[in-house]
Protein backbone atom coordinates (compact mmCIF):
# COMPACT_ATOMS: atom_id res chain seq x y z
CA UNK A 1 -19.83 -14.07 -2.39
CA UNK A 2 -16.90 -13.90 0.14
CA UNK A 3 -13.51 -13.48 -1.70
CA UNK A 4 -10.29 -12.16 -1.54
CA UNK A 5 -9.15 -9.14 -3.66
CA UNK A 6 -7.41 -9.44 -6.90
CA UNK A 7 -3.95 -7.92 -5.23
CA UNK A 8 -4.11 -10.50 -2.67
CA UNK A 9 -4.43 -13.42 -4.91
CA UNK A 10 -1.58 -11.62 -7.16
CA UNK A 11 0.34 -11.52 -3.99
CA UNK A 12 0.32 -15.12 -3.59
CA UNK A 13 1.41 -15.52 -7.23
CA UNK A 14 4.37 -13.16 -6.70
CA UNK A 15 5.11 -14.96 -3.56
CA UNK A 16 5.00 -18.31 -5.45
CA UNK A 17 7.18 -16.75 -7.90
CA UNK A 18 10.05 -15.33 -5.22
CA UNK A 19 10.04 -18.97 -3.37
CA UNK A 20 10.87 -20.64 -6.39
CA UNK A 21 13.58 -18.05 -6.90
CA UNK A 22 14.88 -18.54 -3.27
CA UNK A 23 17.48 -15.82 -2.29
CA UNK A 24 17.94 -14.35 -5.98
CA UNK A 25 16.85 -10.72 -6.10
CA UNK A 26 14.01 -9.96 -8.74
CA UNK A 27 13.22 -6.99 -10.40
CA UNK A 28 9.86 -5.52 -10.89
CA UNK A 29 10.43 -6.45 -14.89
CA UNK A 30 11.40 -9.88 -13.88
CA UNK A 31 8.37 -10.32 -11.83
CA UNK A 32 6.04 -8.91 -14.50
CA UNK A 33 7.40 -11.04 -17.06
CA UNK A 34 7.29 -14.21 -15.32
CA UNK A 35 4.09 -13.74 -13.61
CA UNK A 36 2.27 -12.06 -16.35
CA UNK A 37 1.27 -9.15 -14.06
CA UNK A 38 1.39 -5.53 -15.50
CA UNK A 39 4.27 -3.27 -14.19
CA UNK A 40 2.07 -1.12 -12.09
CA UNK A 41 0.17 -3.82 -10.51
CA UNK A 42 3.93 -5.50 -9.54
CA UNK A 43 4.54 -2.25 -7.78
CA UNK A 44 1.56 -1.79 -5.71
CA UNK A 45 1.71 -5.94 -4.96
CA UNK A 46 5.48 -5.74 -3.72
CA UNK A 47 4.59 -2.55 -1.65
CA UNK A 48 2.03 -4.38 0.27
CA UNK A 49 4.51 -7.42 0.52
CA UNK A 50 7.44 -5.29 1.50
CA UNK A 51 5.14 -3.20 4.12
CA UNK A 52 4.01 -6.96 5.51
CA UNK A 53 7.55 -7.84 6.03
CA UNK A 54 6.88 -10.67 3.54
CA UNK A 55 9.37 -9.47 0.97
CA UNK A 56 12.38 -7.87 1.20
CA UNK A 57 13.57 -4.74 -0.82
CA UNK A 58 16.76 -4.00 -1.81
CA UNK A 59 17.73 -0.98 -3.83
CA UNK A 60 20.38 -0.16 -6.03
CA UNK A 61 22.21 -1.54 -9.47
CA UNK A 62 22.08 -5.20 -7.69
CA UNK A 63 18.90 -4.75 -5.94
CA UNK A 64 15.27 -6.06 -6.19
CA UNK A 65 13.03 -8.00 -4.16
CA UNK A 66 13.46 -11.70 -2.53
CA UNK A 67 11.02 -13.50 -0.02
CA UNK A 68 11.74 -13.02 3.36
CA UNK A 69 11.09 -16.16 5.12
CA UNK A 70 10.57 -19.39 3.84
CA UNK A 71 7.69 -20.44 1.97
CA UNK A 72 6.28 -23.09 4.86
CA UNK A 73 6.71 -20.19 7.41
CA UNK A 74 4.53 -17.57 5.22
CA UNK A 75 0.80 -18.73 6.26
CA UNK A 76 -2.32 -17.67 3.77
CA UNK A 77 -3.50 -15.59 6.61
CA UNK A 78 -0.36 -13.49 6.37
CA UNK A 79 -0.89 -12.49 3.05
CA UNK A 80 -4.88 -12.08 3.13
CA UNK A 81 -3.75 -9.55 6.30
CA UNK A 82 -1.18 -7.96 4.55
CA UNK A 83 -3.40 -6.88 1.35
CA UNK A 84 -7.20 -6.96 3.20
CA UNK A 85 -5.96 -5.73 6.80
CA UNK A 86 -7.36 -7.92 9.81
CA UNK A 87 -10.07 -10.58 8.85
CA UNK A 88 -13.56 -10.21 9.81
CA UNK A 89 -16.35 -11.63 8.54
CA UNK A 90 -19.01 -9.21 9.84
CA UNK A 91 -18.84 -6.13 11.49
CA UNK A 92 -19.54 -7.76 15.13
CA UNK A 93 -16.39 -10.01 14.35
CA UNK A 94 -14.01 -7.11 14.23
CA UNK A 95 -12.33 -6.00 17.18
CA UNK A 96 -14.79 -3.67 18.54
CA UNK A 97 -17.69 -6.07 18.33
CA UNK A 98 -20.33 -3.32 17.44
CA UNK A 99 -22.58 -2.82 14.67
CA UNK A 100 -25.77 -0.87 14.23
CA UNK A 101 -28.16 -3.75 15.40
CA UNK A 102 -25.73 -4.63 18.52
CA UNK A 103 -28.68 -4.53 20.80
CA UNK A 104 -30.98 -6.45 19.04
CA UNK A 105 -28.68 -9.41 17.83
CA UNK A 106 -27.55 -12.13 20.09
CA UNK A 107 -25.29 -13.59 17.06
CA UNK A 108 -22.02 -11.40 17.34
CA UNK A 109 -20.54 -14.17 20.06
CA UNK A 110 -21.18 -16.97 17.42
CA UNK A 111 -19.56 -14.78 14.19
CA UNK A 112 -16.52 -14.03 16.40
CA UNK A 113 -16.01 -17.86 17.57
CA UNK A 114 -16.35 -18.47 13.71
CA UNK A 115 -14.02 -15.79 12.40
CA UNK A 116 -11.82 -17.47 15.00
CA UNK A 117 -11.99 -20.46 13.24
CA UNK A 118 -11.26 -19.17 9.49
CA UNK A 119 -8.37 -17.16 10.74
CA UNK A 120 -6.43 -20.08 12.54
CA UNK A 121 -7.28 -22.50 9.42
CA UNK A 122 -5.61 -19.87 7.06
CA UNK A 123 -3.03 -19.64 9.56
CA UNK A 124 -2.19 -23.31 9.56
CA UNK A 125 -1.80 -23.17 5.67
CA UNK A 126 1.37 -22.13 4.59
CA UNK A 127 2.48 -20.46 0.99
CA UNK A 128 4.32 -23.87 0.82
CA UNK A 129 1.10 -25.92 0.85
CA UNK A 130 -0.48 -23.68 -1.49
CA UNK A 131 2.33 -24.23 -3.91
CA UNK A 132 1.75 -28.14 -3.41
CA UNK A 133 -1.82 -29.46 -4.81
CA UNK A 134 -1.24 -32.72 -3.09
CA UNK A 135 -0.97 -31.05 0.22
CA UNK A 136 -4.08 -28.93 -0.25
CA UNK A 137 -6.17 -31.76 -1.14
CA UNK A 138 -4.73 -33.77 2.01
CA UNK A 139 -5.81 -30.81 4.06
CA UNK A 140 -9.36 -30.67 2.27
CA UNK A 141 -9.59 -34.79 2.99
CA UNK A 142 -8.65 -34.26 6.48
CA UNK A 143 -10.97 -31.61 7.16
CA UNK A 144 -13.72 -33.76 5.67
CA UNK A 145 -12.74 -36.85 7.98
CA UNK A 146 -13.09 -34.69 10.97
CA UNK A 147 -17.13 -34.75 9.93
CA UNK A 148 -19.66 -32.14 11.51
CA UNK A 149 -18.89 -31.30 14.93
CA UNK A 150 -22.32 -29.76 15.64
CA UNK A 151 -25.62 -31.04 14.05
CA UNK A 152 -28.49 -28.75 13.54
CA UNK A 153 -31.97 -30.14 14.20
CA UNK A 154 -34.89 -28.24 12.33
CA UNK A 155 -37.50 -27.84 15.15
């Protein structure tokens, strides 16, 4: 099964919370109590979000965390890559395009293209879109309306 990790999922939850707060600084305790995540988990999530530039941290008595950009300017890809690193569905779709069977496999170009498509789609879906179920549903229907581009025929 292909799925994002728990910290990535929690990152989207935390970003959603921070987006709702706008420019208001939030402490780890505020984030924890509102999202239901425990404090150590929130700290891990915040470190990745700050390191990736998606969240701004401010130290001191009036410090805390706030979202760095409007939710419409943060893509799902940004969040996934902040926690998971570069997106690569297979070894051959990573930057170096090499795996143990590179010499005998002719699928690496196909996987690279599929990887690029998924990265582009994730880049087009914003945190604002994820926060609005109607938009996600509309995007899904648009994808279905496009129909299949390639039809495979059994020989």
